[in-house]
Amino acid sequence: MPLNSSADAQLVTQSLLKNNIDAFFANPDNTVFASFETILKSCDQKNVPIFTSEAGLVQRGAVAAFGADIYQWGYQAGEQAAQFLKTHSTEGLRPELVKVRRRVYNVAAAKKYNITVPSNFEPVK
């Protein structure tokens, strides 16, 4: 279901939870970032774990994530910006896939939902 504004977060989340879902995936976009605690509260009340692809949401209560490290992604983009500023040319600059992806989990959330996390995931700090 689309979440078009943070004001809709509780309604959309509760609508999904009425379908007896096993897990909730929180897509890491600005609307979800702005309303994550509302989503988390509703999911916690129904004992539904949240997964995502962004480490910051794991720090805020999601169980686990595998995805881009947003800080490193920005750093990678900054390296290209620095190259442009030094050379005043786009020569040699190409679109790149994000180079650093992380597998992280929230120890407390994994314990709460009795989820065994694979050994290649690291606890989020």
PDB file of N, CA and C in Angstrom:
ATOM      1  N   MET A   1       0.844  -1.179   0.000  1.00  0.00           N
ATOM      2  CA  MET A   1       0.000   0.000   0.000  1.00  0.00           C
ATOM      3  C   MET A   1       0.889   1.240   0.000  1.00  0.00           C
ATOM      4  N   PRO A   2       0.536   2.235  -0.765  1.00  0.00           N
ATOM      5  CA  PRO A   2       1.341   3.456  -0.783  1.00  0.00           C
ATOM      6  C   PRO A   2       1.122   4.288   0.473  1.00  0.00           C
ATOM      7  N   LEU A   3       2.181   4.912   0.908  1.00  0.00           N
ATOM      8  CA  LEU A   3       2.128   5.846   2.027  1.00  0.00           C
ATOM      9  C   LEU A   3       2.499   7.203   1.455  1.00  0.00           C
ATOM     10  N   ASN A   4       1.496   8.023   1.196  1.00  0.00           N
ATOM     11  CA  ASN A   4       1.712   9.291   0.509  1.00  0.00           C
ATOM     12  C   ASN A   4       2.114  10.441   1.417  1.00  0.00           C
ATOM     13  N   SER A   5       1.783  10.358   2.691  1.00  0.00           N
ATOM     14  CA  SER A   5       2.194  11.389   3.644  1.00  0.00           C
ATOM     15  C   SER A   5       2.302  10.754   5.026  1.00  0.00           C
ATOM     16  N   SER A   6       3.098  11.375   5.876  1.00  0.00           N
ATOM     17  CA  SER A   6       3.265  10.817   7.218  1.00  0.00           C
ATOM     18  C   SER A   6       1.952  10.832   7.993  1.00  0.00           C
ATOM     19  N   ALA A   7       1.045  11.712   7.618  1.00  0.00           N
ATOM     20  CA  ALA A   7      -0.266  11.762   8.278  1.00  0.00           C
ATOM     21  C   ALA A   7      -1.077  10.489   8.027  1.00  0.00           C
ATOM     22  N   ASP A   8      -0.772   9.782   6.937  1.00  0.00           N
ATOM     23  CA  ASP A   8      -1.481   8.546   6.594  1.00  0.00           C
ATOM     24  C   ASP A   8      -0.850   7.298   7.206  1.00  0.00           C
ATOM     25  N   ALA A   9       0.281   7.447   7.866  1.00  0.00           N
ATOM     26  CA  ALA A   9       1.058   6.290   8.325  1.00  0.00           C
ATOM     27  C   ALA A   9       0.257   5.350   9.214  1.00  0.00           C
ATOM     28  N   GLN A  10      -0.435   5.871  10.194  1.00  0.00           N
ATOM     29  CA  GLN A  10      -1.164   5.011  11.114  1.00  0.00           C
ATOM     30  C   GLN A  10      -2.287   4.277  10.388  1.00  0.00           C
ATOM     31  N   LEU A  11      -3.032   4.963   9.558  1.00  0.00           N
ATOM     32  CA  LEU A  11      -4.142   4.356   8.827  1.00  0.00           C
ATOM     33  C   LEU A  11      -3.659   3.255   7.886  1.00  0.00           C
ATOM     34  N   VAL A  12      -2.607   3.541   7.130  1.00  0.00           N
ATOM     35  CA  VAL A  12      -2.073   2.558   6.176  1.00  0.00           C
ATOM     36  C   VAL A  12      -1.502   1.351   6.921  1.00  0.00           C
ATOM     37  N   THR A  13      -0.736   1.613   7.968  1.00  0.00           N
ATOM     38  CA  THR A  13      -0.134   0.518   8.735  1.00  0.00           C
ATOM     39  C   THR A  13      -1.210  -0.366   9.358  1.00  0.00           C
ATOM     40  N   GLN A  14      -2.205   0.235   9.969  1.00  0.00           N
ATOM     41  CA  GLN A  14      -3.268  -0.550  10.583  1.00  0.00           C
ATOM     42  C   GLN A  14      -4.068  -1.326   9.542  1.00  0.00           C
ATOM     43  N   SER A  15      -4.240  -0.760   8.375  1.00  0.00           N
ATOM     44  CA  SER A  15      -4.935  -1.461   7.298  1.00  0.00           C
ATOM     45  C   SER A  15      -4.163  -2.715   6.887  1.00  0.00           C
ATOM     46  N   LEU A  16      -2.862  -2.589   6.767  1.00  0.00           N
ATOM     47  CA  LEU A  16      -2.035  -3.758   6.433  1.00  0.00           C
ATOM     48  C   LEU A  16      -2.071  -4.792   7.549  1.00  0.00           C
ATOM     49  N   LEU A  17      -2.009  -4.327   8.780  1.00  0.00           N
ATOM     50  CA  LEU A  17      -2.000  -5.244   9.923  1.00  0.00           C
ATOM     51  C   LEU A  17      -3.307  -6.019  10.048  1.00  0.00           C
ATOM     52  N   LYS A  18      -4.403  -5.464   9.570  1.00  0.00           N
ATOM     53  CA  LYS A  18      -5.686  -6.175   9.598  1.00  0.00           C
ATOM     54  C   LYS A  18      -5.665  -7.404   8.704  1.00  0.00           C
ATOM     55  N   ASN A  19      -4.718  -7.461   7.773  1.00  0.00           N
ATOM     56  CA  ASN A  19      -4.583  -8.610   6.874  1.00  0.00           C
ATOM     57  C   ASN A  19      -3.731  -9.721   7.477  1.00  0.00           C
ATOM     58  N   ASN A  20      -3.426  -9.614   8.764  1.00  0.00           N
ATOM     59  CA  ASN A  20      -2.635 -10.627   9.475  1.00  0.00           C
ATOM     60  C   ASN A  20      -1.301 -10.914   8.791  1.00  0.00           C
ATOM     61  N   ILE A  21      -0.575  -9.843   8.461  1.00  0.00           N
ATOM     62  CA  ILE A  21       0.719 -10.012   7.808  1.00  0.00           C
ATOM     63  C   ILE A  21       1.732 -10.597   8.785  1.00  0.00           C
ATOM     64  N   ASP A  22       2.730 -11.295   8.250  1.00  0.00           N
ATOM     65  CA  ASP A  22       3.774 -11.895   9.078  1.00  0.00           C
ATOM     66  C   ASP A  22       4.906 -10.923   9.381  1.00  0.00           C
ATOM     67  N   ALA A  23       5.132  -9.983   8.465  1.00  0.00           N
ATOM     68  CA  ALA A  23       6.209  -9.012   8.621  1.00  0.00           C
ATOM     69  C   ALA A  23       5.861  -7.759   7.831  1.00  0.00           C
ATOM     70  N   PHE A  24       6.510  -6.665   8.200  1.00  0.00           N
ATOM     71  CA  PHE A  24       6.285  -5.374   7.551  1.00  0.00           C
ATOM     72  C   PHE A  24       7.615  -4.936   6.961  1.00  0.00           C
ATOM     73  N   PHE A  25       7.639  -4.529   5.687  1.00  0.00           N
ATOM     74  CA  PHE A  25       8.854  -3.978   5.091  1.00  0.00           C
ATOM     75  C   PHE A  25       8.704  -2.472   5.012  1.00  0.00           C
ATOM     76  N   ALA A  26       9.596  -1.763   5.661  1.00  0.00           N
ATOM     77  CA  ALA A  26       9.585  -0.300   5.658  1.00  0.00           C
ATOM     78  C   ALA A  26      10.552   0.191   4.587  1.00  0.00           C
ATOM     79  N   ASN A  27       9.993   0.622   3.473  1.00  0.00           N
ATOM     80  CA  ASN A  27      10.797   1.160   2.389  1.00  0.00           C
ATOM     81  C   ASN A  27      11.449   2.457   2.873  1.00  0.00           C
ATOM     82  N   PRO A  28      12.754   2.596   2.738  1.00  0.00           N
ATOM     83  CA  PRO A  28      13.410   3.775   3.293  1.00  0.00           C
ATOM     84  C   PRO A  28      13.239   5.016   2.418  1.00  0.00           C
ATOM     85  N   ASP A  29      12.136   5.704   2.601  1.00  0.00           N
ATOM     86  CA  ASP A  29      11.934   6.970   1.902  1.00  0.00           C
ATOM     87  C   ASP A  29      11.594   8.041   2.940  1.00  0.00           C
ATOM     88  N   ASN A  30      11.499   9.279   2.509  1.00  0.00           N
ATOM     89  CA  ASN A  30      11.288  10.383   3.449  1.00  0.00           C
ATOM     90  C   ASN A  30      10.009  10.240   4.255  1.00  0.00           C
ATOM     91  N   THR A  31       8.954   9.735   3.638  1.00  0.00           N
ATOM     92  CA  THR A  31       7.681   9.595   4.346  1.00  0.00           C
ATOM     93  C   THR A  31       7.793   8.553   5.451  1.00  0.00           C
ATOM     94  N   VAL A  32       8.437   7.438   5.155  1.00  0.00           N
ATOM     95  CA  VAL A  32       8.629   6.400   6.173  1.00  0.00           C
ATOM     96  C   VAL A  32       9.561   6.906   7.273  1.00  0.00           C
ATOM     97  N   PHE A  33      10.639   7.605   6.898  1.00  0.00           N
ATOM     98  CA  PHE A  33      11.533   8.165   7.919  1.00  0.00           C
ATOM     99  C   PHE A  33      10.766   9.081   8.866  1.00  0.00           C
ATOM    100  N   ALA A  34       9.894   9.909   8.312  1.00  0.00           N
ATOM    101  CA  ALA A  34       9.149  10.877   9.122  1.00  0.00           C
ATOM    102  C   ALA A  34       8.117  10.222  10.034  1.00  0.00           C
ATOM    103  N   SER A  35       7.637   9.057   9.646  1.00  0.00           N
ATOM    104  CA  SER A  35       6.546   8.431  10.405  1.00  0.00           C
ATOM    105  C   SER A  35       6.924   7.071  10.991  1.00  0.00           C
ATOM    106  N   PHE A  36       8.212   6.774  11.059  1.00  0.00           N
ATOM    107  CA  PHE A  36       8.615   5.428  11.458  1.00  0.00           C
ATOM    108  C   PHE A  36       8.145   5.054  12.856  1.00  0.00           C
ATOM    109  N   GLU A  37       8.203   5.961  13.800  1.00  0.00           N
ATOM    110  CA  GLU A  37       7.788   5.610  15.158  1.00  0.00           C
ATOM    111  C   GLU A  37       6.310   5.240  15.212  1.00  0.00           C
ATOM    112  N   THR A  38       5.489   5.878  14.382  1.00  0.00           N
ATOM    113  CA  THR A  38       4.060   5.530  14.297  1.00  0.00           C
ATOM    114  C   THR A  38       3.904   4.125  13.733  1.00  0.00           C
ATOM    115  N   ILE A  39       4.651   3.816  12.691  1.00  0.00           N
ATOM    116  CA  ILE A  39       4.624   2.478  12.085  1.00  0.00           C
ATOM    117  C   ILE A  39       5.087   1.446  13.102  1.00  0.00           C
ATOM    118  N   LEU A  40       6.189   1.740  13.775  1.00  0.00           N
ATOM    119  CA  LEU A  40       6.751   0.824  14.767  1.00  0.00           C
ATOM    120  C   LEU A  40       5.762   0.553  15.896  1.00  0.00           C
ATOM    121  N   LYS A  41       5.121   1.588  16.394  1.00  0.00           N
ATOM    122  CA  LYS A  41       4.156   1.421  17.492  1.00  0.00           C
ATOM    123  C   LYS A  41       3.009   0.508  17.078  1.00  0.00           C
ATOM    124  N   SER A  42       2.470   0.721  15.885  1.00  0.00           N
ATOM    125  CA  SER A  42       1.361  -0.117  15.412  1.00  0.00           C
ATOM    126  C   SER A  42       1.804  -1.563  15.221  1.00  0.00           C
ATOM    127  N   CYS A  43       2.989  -1.755  14.635  1.00  0.00           N
ATOM    128  CA  CYS A  43       3.485  -3.120  14.420  1.00  0.00           C
ATOM    129  C   CYS A  43       3.802  -3.810  15.733  1.00  0.00           C
ATOM    130  N   ASP A  44       4.377  -3.075  16.684  1.00  0.00           N
ATOM    131  CA  ASP A  44       4.667  -3.650  18.002  1.00  0.00           C
ATOM    132  C   ASP A  44       3.395  -4.117  18.694  1.00  0.00           C
ATOM    133  N   GLN A  45       2.325  -3.337  18.582  1.00  0.00           N
ATOM    134  CA  GLN A  45       1.060  -3.697  19.211  1.00  0.00           C
ATOM    135  C   GLN A  45       0.496  -5.000  18.653  1.00  0.00           C
ATOM    136  N   LYS A  46       0.784  -5.304  17.391  1.00  0.00           N
ATOM    137  CA  LYS A  46       0.295  -6.535  16.753  1.00  0.00           C
ATOM    138  C   LYS A  46       1.368  -7.614  16.679  1.00  0.00           C
ATOM    139  N   ASN A  47       2.523  -7.355  17.298  1.00  0.00           N
ATOM    140  CA  ASN A  47       3.624  -8.313  17.322  1.00  0.00           C
ATOM    141  C   ASN A  47       4.097  -8.686  15.906  1.00  0.00           C
ATOM    142  N   VAL A  48       4.247  -7.679  15.058  1.00  0.00           N
ATOM    143  CA  VAL A  48       4.694  -7.867  13.672  1.00  0.00           C
ATOM    144  C   VAL A  48       6.064  -7.205  13.515  1.00  0.00           C
ATOM    145  N   PRO A  49       7.103  -7.971  13.172  1.00  0.00           N
ATOM    146  CA  PRO A  49       8.437  -7.398  13.005  1.00  0.00           C
ATOM    147  C   PRO A  49       8.540  -6.554  11.729  1.00  0.00           C
ATOM    148  N   ILE A  50       9.408  -5.555  11.808  1.00  0.00           N
ATOM    149  CA  ILE A  50       9.656  -4.671  10.669  1.00  0.00           C
ATOM    150  C   ILE A  50      11.046  -4.957  10.121  1.00  0.00           C
ATOM    151  N   PHE A  51      11.147  -5.058   8.805  1.00  0.00           N
ATOM    152  CA  PHE A  51      12.414  -5.196   8.106  1.00  0.00           C
ATOM    153  C   PHE A  51      12.551  -4.018   7.155  1.00  0.00           C
ATOM    154  N   THR A  52      13.770  -3.712   6.757  1.00  0.00           N
ATOM    155  CA  THR A  52      14.019  -2.566   5.895  1.00  0.00           C
ATOM    156  C   THR A  52      15.317  -2.790   5.136  1.00  0.00           C
ATOM    157  N   SER A  53      15.745  -1.783   4.415  1.00  0.00           N
ATOM    158  CA  SER A  53      17.032  -1.865   3.724  1.00  0.00           C
ATOM    159  C   SER A  53      17.933  -0.694   4.122  1.00  0.00           C
ATOM    160  N   GLU A  54      17.692  -0.118   5.295  1.00  0.00           N
ATOM    161  CA  GLU A  54      18.445   1.053   5.736  1.00  0.00           C
ATOM    162  C   GLU A  54      18.783   0.935   7.211  1.00  0.00           C
ATOM    163  N   ALA A  55      20.057   1.049   7.532  1.00  0.00           N
ATOM    164  CA  ALA A  55      20.536   0.828   8.901  1.00  0.00           C
ATOM    165  C   ALA A  55      19.930   1.789   9.911  1.00  0.00           C
ATOM    166  N   GLY A  56      19.657   3.018   9.525  1.00  0.00           N
ATOM    167  CA  GLY A  56      19.092   3.983  10.466  1.00  0.00           C
ATOM    168  C   GLY A  56      17.750   3.556  11.014  1.00  0.00           C
ATOM    169  N   LEU A  57      16.933   2.913  10.181  1.00  0.00           N
ATOM    170  CA  LEU A  57      15.636   2.423  10.658  1.00  0.00           C
ATOM    171  C   LEU A  57      15.813   1.229  11.587  1.00  0.00           C
ATOM    172  N   VAL A  58      16.885   0.473  11.415  1.00  0.00           N
ATOM    173  CA  VAL A  58      17.179  -0.627  12.342  1.00  0.00           C
ATOM    174  C   VAL A  58      17.561  -0.041  13.697  1.00  0.00           C
ATOM    175  N   GLN A  59      18.321   1.036  13.698  1.00  0.00           N
ATOM    176  CA  GLN A  59      18.659   1.702  14.963  1.00  0.00           C
ATOM    177  C   GLN A  59      17.402   2.192  15.671  1.00  0.00           C
ATOM    178  N   ARG A  60      16.382   2.520  14.904  1.00  0.00           N
ATOM    179  CA  ARG A  60      15.136   3.051  15.472  1.00  0.00           C
ATOM    180  C   ARG A  60      14.132   1.960  15.827  1.00  0.00           C
ATOM    181  N   GLY A  61      14.438   0.666  15.547  1.00  0.00           N
ATOM    182  CA  GLY A  61      13.562  -0.401  15.997  1.00  0.00           C
ATOM    183  C   GLY A  61      13.227  -1.492  15.012  1.00  0.00           C
ATOM    184  N   ALA A  62      13.579  -1.339  13.734  1.00  0.00           N
ATOM    185  CA  ALA A  62      13.354  -2.437  12.785  1.00  0.00           C
ATOM    186  C   ALA A  62      14.274  -3.592  13.154  1.00  0.00           C
ATOM    187  N   VAL A  63      13.909  -4.807  12.759  1.00  0.00           N
ATOM    188  CA  VAL A  63      14.693  -5.987  13.132  1.00  0.00           C
ATOM    189  C   VAL A  63      16.011  -6.041  12.389  1.00  0.00           C
ATOM    190  N   ALA A  64      15.974  -5.899  11.066  1.00  0.00           N
ATOM    191  CA  ALA A  64      17.191  -6.075  10.278  1.00  0.00           C
ATOM    192  C   ALA A  64      17.086  -5.344   8.949  1.00  0.00           C
ATOM    193  N   ALA A  65      18.266  -5.153   8.344  1.00  0.00           N
ATOM    194  CA  ALA A  65      18.321  -4.497   7.040  1.00  0.00           C
ATOM    195  C   ALA A  65      19.488  -5.053   6.236  1.00  0.00           C
ATOM    196  N   PHE A  66      19.304  -5.096   4.948  1.00  0.00           N
ATOM    197  CA  PHE A  66      20.401  -5.319   4.012  1.00  0.00           C
ATOM    198  C   PHE A  66      20.238  -4.271   2.934  1.00  0.00           C
ATOM    199  N   GLY A  67      21.189  -3.383   2.846  1.00  0.00           N
ATOM    200  CA  GLY A  67      21.068  -2.333   1.841  1.00  0.00           C
ATOM    201  C   GLY A  67      22.213  -1.359   1.886  1.00  0.00           C
ATOM    202  N   ALA A  68      22.026  -0.295   1.150  1.00  0.00           N
ATOM    203  CA  ALA A  68      23.053   0.722   1.027  1.00  0.00           C
ATOM    204  C   ALA A  68      23.326   1.376   2.373  1.00  0.00           C
ATOM    205  N   ASP A  69      24.592   1.640   2.619  1.00  0.00           N
ATOM    206  CA  ASP A  69      24.976   2.463   3.748  1.00  0.00           C
ATOM    207  C   ASP A  69      24.829   3.901   3.266  1.00  0.00           C
ATOM    208  N   ILE A  70      23.820   4.603   3.748  1.00  0.00           N
ATOM    209  CA  ILE A  70      23.486   5.933   3.248  1.00  0.00           C
ATOM    210  C   ILE A  70      24.668   6.891   3.394  1.00  0.00           C
ATOM    211  N   TYR A  71      25.386   6.831   4.502  1.00  0.00           N
ATOM    212  CA  TYR A  71      26.546   7.694   4.691  1.00  0.00           C
ATOM    213  C   TYR A  71      27.592   7.419   3.617  1.00  0.00           C
ATOM    214  N   GLN A  72      27.922   6.141   3.417  1.00  0.00           N
ATOM    215  CA  GLN A  72      28.933   5.779   2.430  1.00  0.00           C
ATOM    216  C   GLN A  72      28.488   6.119   1.012  1.00  0.00           C
ATOM    217  N   TRP A  73      27.190   6.000   0.757  1.00  0.00           N
ATOM    218  CA  TRP A  73      26.645   6.347  -0.546  1.00  0.00           C
ATOM    219  C   TRP A  73      26.869   7.843  -0.809  1.00  0.00           C
ATOM    220  N   GLY A  74      26.608   8.658   0.192  1.00  0.00           N
ATOM    221  CA  GLY A  74      26.853  10.093   0.073  1.00  0.00           C
ATOM    222  C   GLY A  74      28.335  10.399  -0.100  1.00  0.00           C
ATOM    223  N   TYR A  75      29.167   9.672   0.617  1.00  0.00           N
ATOM    224  CA  TYR A  75      30.615   9.852   0.499  1.00  0.00           C
ATOM    225  C   TYR A  75      31.071   9.519  -0.917  1.00  0.00           C
ATOM    226  N   GLN A  76      30.538   8.439  -1.453  1.00  0.00           N
ATOM    227  CA  GLN A  76      30.868   8.015  -2.819  1.00  0.00           C
ATOM    228  C   GLN A  76      30.467   9.100  -3.819  1.00  0.00           C
ATOM    229  N   ALA A  77      29.294   9.668  -3.650  1.00  0.00           N
ATOM    230  CA  ALA A  77      28.843  10.753  -4.528  1.00  0.00           C
ATOM    231  C   ALA A  77      29.733  11.987  -4.346  1.00  0.00           C
ATOM    232  N   GLY A  78      30.145  12.246  -3.112  1.00  0.00           N
ATOM    233  CA  GLY A  78      31.025  13.372  -2.829  1.00  0.00           C
ATOM    234  C   GLY A  78      32.372  13.249  -3.511  1.00  0.00           C
ATOM    235  N   GLU A  79      32.869  12.018  -3.620  1.00  0.00           N
ATOM    236  CA  GLU A  79      34.132  11.800  -4.332  1.00  0.00           C
ATOM    237  C   GLU A  79      34.001  12.215  -5.798  1.00  0.00           C
ATOM    238  N   GLN A  80      32.865  11.893  -6.407  1.00  0.00           N
ATOM    239  CA  GLN A  80      32.656  12.298  -7.795  1.00  0.00           C
ATOM    240  C   GLN A  80      32.510  13.816  -7.889  1.00  0.00           C
ATOM    241  N   ALA A  81      31.813  14.422  -6.940  1.00  0.00           N
ATOM    242  CA  ALA A  81      31.666  15.874  -6.942  1.00  0.00           C
ATOM    243  C   ALA A  81      33.027  16.543  -6.797  1.00  0.00           C
ATOM    244  N   ALA A  82      33.872  16.006  -5.921  1.00  0.00           N
ATOM    245  CA  ALA A  82      35.209  16.564  -5.727  1.00  0.00           C
ATOM    246  C   ALA A  82      36.023  16.459  -7.013  1.00  0.00           C
ATOM    247  N   GLN A  83      35.908  15.331  -7.710  1.00  0.00           N
ATOM    248  CA  GLN A  83      36.619  15.167  -8.981  1.00  0.00           C
ATOM    249  C   GLN A  83      36.168  16.230  -9.981  1.00  0.00           C
ATOM    250  N   PHE A  84      34.870  16.476 -10.056  1.00  0.00           N
ATOM    251  CA  PHE A  84      34.353  17.494 -10.969  1.00  0.00           C
ATOM    252  C   PHE A  84      34.867  18.889 -10.578  1.00  0.00           C
ATOM    253  N   LEU A  85      34.838  19.190  -9.291  1.00  0.00           N
ATOM    254  CA  LEU A  85      35.280  20.510  -8.841  1.00  0.00           C
ATOM    255  C   LEU A  85      36.775  20.740  -9.110  1.00  0.00           C
ATOM    256  N   LYS A  86      37.557  19.678  -9.048  1.00  0.00           N
ATOM    257  CA  LYS A  86      38.997  19.799  -9.323  1.00  0.00           C
ATOM    258  C   LYS A  86      39.281  19.949 -10.813  1.00  0.00           C
ATOM    259  N   THR A  87      38.531  19.208 -11.636  1.00  0.00           N
ATOM    260  CA  THR A  87      38.841  19.165 -13.075  1.00  0.00           C
ATOM    261  C   THR A  87      37.937  20.061 -13.913  1.00  0.00           C
ATOM    262  N   HIS A  88      36.802  20.476 -13.357  1.00  0.00           N
ATOM    263  CA  HIS A  88      35.791  21.247 -14.098  1.00  0.00           C
ATOM    264  C   HIS A  88      35.346  20.507 -15.357  1.00  0.00           C
ATOM    265  N   SER A  89      35.333  19.177 -15.252  1.00  0.00           N
ATOM    266  CA  SER A  89      34.954  18.345 -16.391  1.00  0.00           C
ATOM    267  C   SER A  89      34.197  17.120 -15.889  1.00  0.00           C
ATOM    268  N   THR A  90      33.261  16.651 -16.694  1.00  0.00           N
ATOM    269  CA  THR A  90      32.552  15.415 -16.362  1.00  0.00           C
ATOM    270  C   THR A  90      33.220  14.198 -16.995  1.00  0.00           C
ATOM    271  N   GLU A  91      34.324  14.435 -17.699  1.00  0.00           N
ATOM    272  CA  GLU A  91      35.034  13.317 -18.323  1.00  0.00           C
ATOM    273  C   GLU A  91      35.487  12.335 -17.246  1.00  0.00           C
ATOM    274  N   GLY A  92      35.208  11.076 -17.475  1.00  0.00           N
ATOM    275  CA  GLY A  92      35.563  10.031 -16.524  1.00  0.00           C
ATOM    276  C   GLY A  92      34.518   9.785 -15.445  1.00  0.00           C
ATOM    277  N   LEU A  93      33.529  10.658 -15.349  1.00  0.00           N
ATOM    278  CA  LEU A  93      32.466  10.445 -14.360  1.00  0.00           C
ATOM    279  C   LEU A  93      31.359   9.618 -14.992  1.00  0.00           C
ATOM    280  N   ARG A  94      30.972   8.568 -14.312  1.00  0.00           N
ATOM    281  CA  ARG A  94      29.921   7.674 -14.796  1.00  0.00           C
ATOM    282  C   ARG A  94      28.972   7.343 -13.651  1.00  0.00           C
ATOM    283  N   PRO A  95      27.731   7.033 -13.970  1.00  0.00           N
ATOM    284  CA  PRO A  95      26.843   6.553 -12.900  1.00  0.00           C
ATOM    285  C   PRO A  95      27.440   5.299 -12.264  1.00  0.00           C
ATOM    286  N   GLU A  96      27.323   5.204 -10.964  1.00  0.00           N
ATOM    287  CA  GLU A  96      27.862   4.060 -10.231  1.00  0.00           C
ATOM    288  C   GLU A  96      26.799   3.453  -9.336  1.00  0.00           C
ATOM    289  N   LEU A  97      26.882   2.167  -9.166  1.00  0.00           N
ATOM    290  CA  LEU A  97      26.080   1.520  -8.137  1.00  0.00           C
ATOM    291  C   LEU A  97      26.733   1.810  -6.791  1.00  0.00           C
ATOM    292  N   VAL A  98      25.937   1.828  -5.778  1.00  0.00           N
ATOM    293  CA  VAL A  98      26.486   2.035  -4.446  1.00  0.00           C
ATOM    294  C   VAL A  98      27.464   0.895  -4.146  1.00  0.00           C
ATOM    295  N   LYS A  99      28.619   1.251  -3.610  1.00  0.00           N
ATOM    296  CA  LYS A  99      29.683   0.259  -3.395  1.00  0.00           C
ATOM    297  C   LYS A  99      29.586  -0.435  -2.042  1.00  0.00           C
ATOM    298  N   VAL A 100      29.080   0.274  -1.026  1.00  0.00           N
ATOM    299  CA  VAL A 100      29.041  -0.294   0.319  1.00  0.00           C
ATOM    300  C   VAL A 100      27.602  -0.630   0.687  1.00  0.00           C
ATOM    301  N   ARG A 101      27.368  -1.890   0.916  1.00  0.00           N
ATOM    302  CA  ARG A 101      26.067  -2.358   1.395  1.00  0.00           C
ATOM    303  C   ARG A 101      26.310  -3.055   2.735  1.00  0.00           C
ATOM    304  N   ARG A 102      25.363  -2.880   3.641  1.00  0.00           N
ATOM    305  CA  ARG A 102      25.535  -3.442   4.981  1.00  0.00           C
ATOM    306  C   ARG A 102      24.397  -4.383   5.323  1.00  0.00           C
ATOM    307  N   ARG A 103      24.742  -5.370   6.137  1.00  0.00           N
ATOM    308  CA  ARG A 103      23.766  -6.284   6.736  1.00  0.00           C
ATOM    309  C   ARG A 103      23.813  -6.020   8.233  1.00  0.00           C
ATOM    310  N   VAL A 104      22.739  -5.451   8.762  1.00  0.00           N
ATOM    311  CA  VAL A 104      22.722  -5.109  10.181  1.00  0.00           C
ATOM    312  C   VAL A 104      21.430  -5.598  10.828  1.00  0.00           C
ATOM    313  N   TYR A 105      21.490  -5.756  12.146  1.00  0.00           N
ATOM    314  CA  TYR A 105      20.281  -6.129  12.880  1.00  0.00           C
ATOM    315  C   TYR A 105      20.253  -5.450  14.228  1.00  0.00           C
ATOM    316  N   ASN A 106      19.047  -5.342  14.764  1.00  0.00           N
ATOM    317  CA  ASN A 106      18.808  -4.756  16.065  1.00  0.00           C
ATOM    318  C   ASN A 106      18.690  -5.910  17.057  1.00  0.00           C
ATOM    319  N   VAL A 107      19.636  -5.991  17.971  1.00  0.00           N
ATOM    320  CA  VAL A 107      19.695  -7.117  18.913  1.00  0.00           C
ATOM    321  C   VAL A 107      18.394  -7.245  19.704  1.00  0.00           C
ATOM    322  N   ALA A 108      17.902  -6.135  20.245  1.00  0.00           N
ATOM    323  CA  ALA A 108      16.694  -6.169  21.075  1.00  0.00           C
ATOM    324  C   ALA A 108      15.474  -6.580  20.251  1.00  0.00           C
ATOM    325  N   ALA A 109      15.340  -6.060  19.037  1.00  0.00           N
ATOM    326  CA  ALA A 109      14.185  -6.398  18.200  1.00  0.00           C
ATOM    327  C   ALA A 109      14.235  -7.860  17.773  1.00  0.00           C
ATOM    328  N   ALA A 110      15.416  -8.353  17.427  1.00  0.00           N
ATOM    329  CA  ALA A 110      15.540  -9.767  17.036  1.00  0.00           C
ATOM    330  C   ALA A 110      15.174 -10.674  18.207  1.00  0.00           C
ATOM    331  N   LYS A 111      15.608 -10.301  19.394  1.00  0.00           N
ATOM    332  CA  LYS A 111      15.282 -11.090  20.588  1.00  0.00           C
ATOM    333  C   LYS A 111      13.782 -11.056  20.856  1.00  0.00           C
ATOM    334  N   LYS A 112      13.189  -9.864  20.750  1.00  0.00           N
ATOM    335  CA  LYS A 112      11.753  -9.708  21.006  1.00  0.00           C
ATOM    336  C   LYS A 112      10.928 -10.638  20.128  1.00  0.00           C
ATOM    337  N   TYR A 113      11.314 -10.764  18.858  1.00  0.00           N
ATOM    338  CA  TYR A 113      10.554 -11.582  17.910  1.00  0.00           C
ATOM    339  C   TYR A 113      11.126 -12.991  17.759  1.00  0.00           C
ATOM    340  N   ASN A 114      12.119 -13.325  18.596  1.00  0.00           N
ATOM    341  CA  ASN A 114      12.726 -14.651  18.581  1.00  0.00           C
ATOM    342  C   ASN A 114      13.241 -15.011  17.178  1.00  0.00           C
ATOM    343  N   ILE A 115      13.943 -14.056  16.570  1.00  0.00           N
ATOM    344  CA  ILE A 115      14.473 -14.243  15.222  1.00  0.00           C
ATOM    345  C   ILE A 115      15.963 -14.504  15.312  1.00  0.00           C
ATOM    346  N   THR A 116      16.400 -15.596  14.721  1.00  0.00           N
ATOM    347  CA  THR A 116      17.819 -15.903  14.639  1.00  0.00           C
ATOM    348  C   THR A 116      18.371 -15.232  13.392  1.00  0.00           C
ATOM    349  N   VAL A 117      19.335 -14.374  13.595  1.00  0.00           N
ATOM    350  CA  VAL A 117      19.907 -13.588  12.506  1.00  0.00           C
ATOM    351  C   VAL A 117      21.131 -14.311  11.952  1.00  0.00           C
ATOM    352  N   PRO A 118      21.282 -14.365  10.626  1.00  0.00           N
ATOM    353  CA  PRO A 118      22.459 -15.025  10.047  1.00  0.00           C
ATOM    354  C   PRO A 118      23.765 -14.385  10.540  1.00  0.00           C
ATOM    355  N   SER A 119      24.821 -15.174  10.579  1.00  0.00           N
ATOM    356  CA  SER A 119      26.091 -14.717  11.124  1.00  0.00           C
ATOM    357  C   SER A 119      26.747 -13.616  10.293  1.00  0.00           C
ATOM    358  N   ASN A 120      26.312 -13.418   9.051  1.00  0.00           N
ATOM    359  CA  ASN A 120      26.916 -12.361   8.244  1.00  0.00           C
ATOM    360  C   ASN A 120      26.240 -11.002   8.466  1.00  0.00           C
ATOM    361  N   PHE A 121      25.343 -10.903   9.443  1.00  0.00           N
ATOM    362  CA  PHE A 121      24.747  -9.633   9.856  1.00  0.00           C
ATOM    363  C   PHE A 121      25.474  -9.155  11.104  1.00  0.00           C
ATOM    364  N   GLU A 122      25.677  -7.850  11.206  1.00  0.00           N
ATOM    365  CA  GLU A 122      26.343  -7.280  12.382  1.00  0.00           C
ATOM    366  C   GLU A 122      25.321  -6.495  13.208  1.00  0.00           C
ATOM    367  N   PRO A 123      25.499  -6.485  14.521  1.00  0.00           N
ATOM    368  CA  PRO A 123      24.588  -5.677  15.347  1.00  0.00           C
ATOM    369  C   PRO A 123      24.730  -4.205  14.992  1.00  0.00           C
ATOM    370  N   VAL A 124      23.632  -3.502  14.932  1.00  0.00           N
ATOM    371  CA  VAL A 124      23.682  -2.070  14.635  1.00  0.00           C
ATOM    372  C   VAL A 124      24.152  -1.333  15.875  1.00  0.00           C
ATOM    373  N   LYS A 125      24.891  -0.282  15.671  1.00  0.00           N
ATOM    374  CA  LYS A 125      25.431   0.498  16.798  1.00  0.00           C
ATOM    375  C   LYS A 125      24.596   1.703  17.057  1.00  0.00           C
TER     376      LYS A 125
END
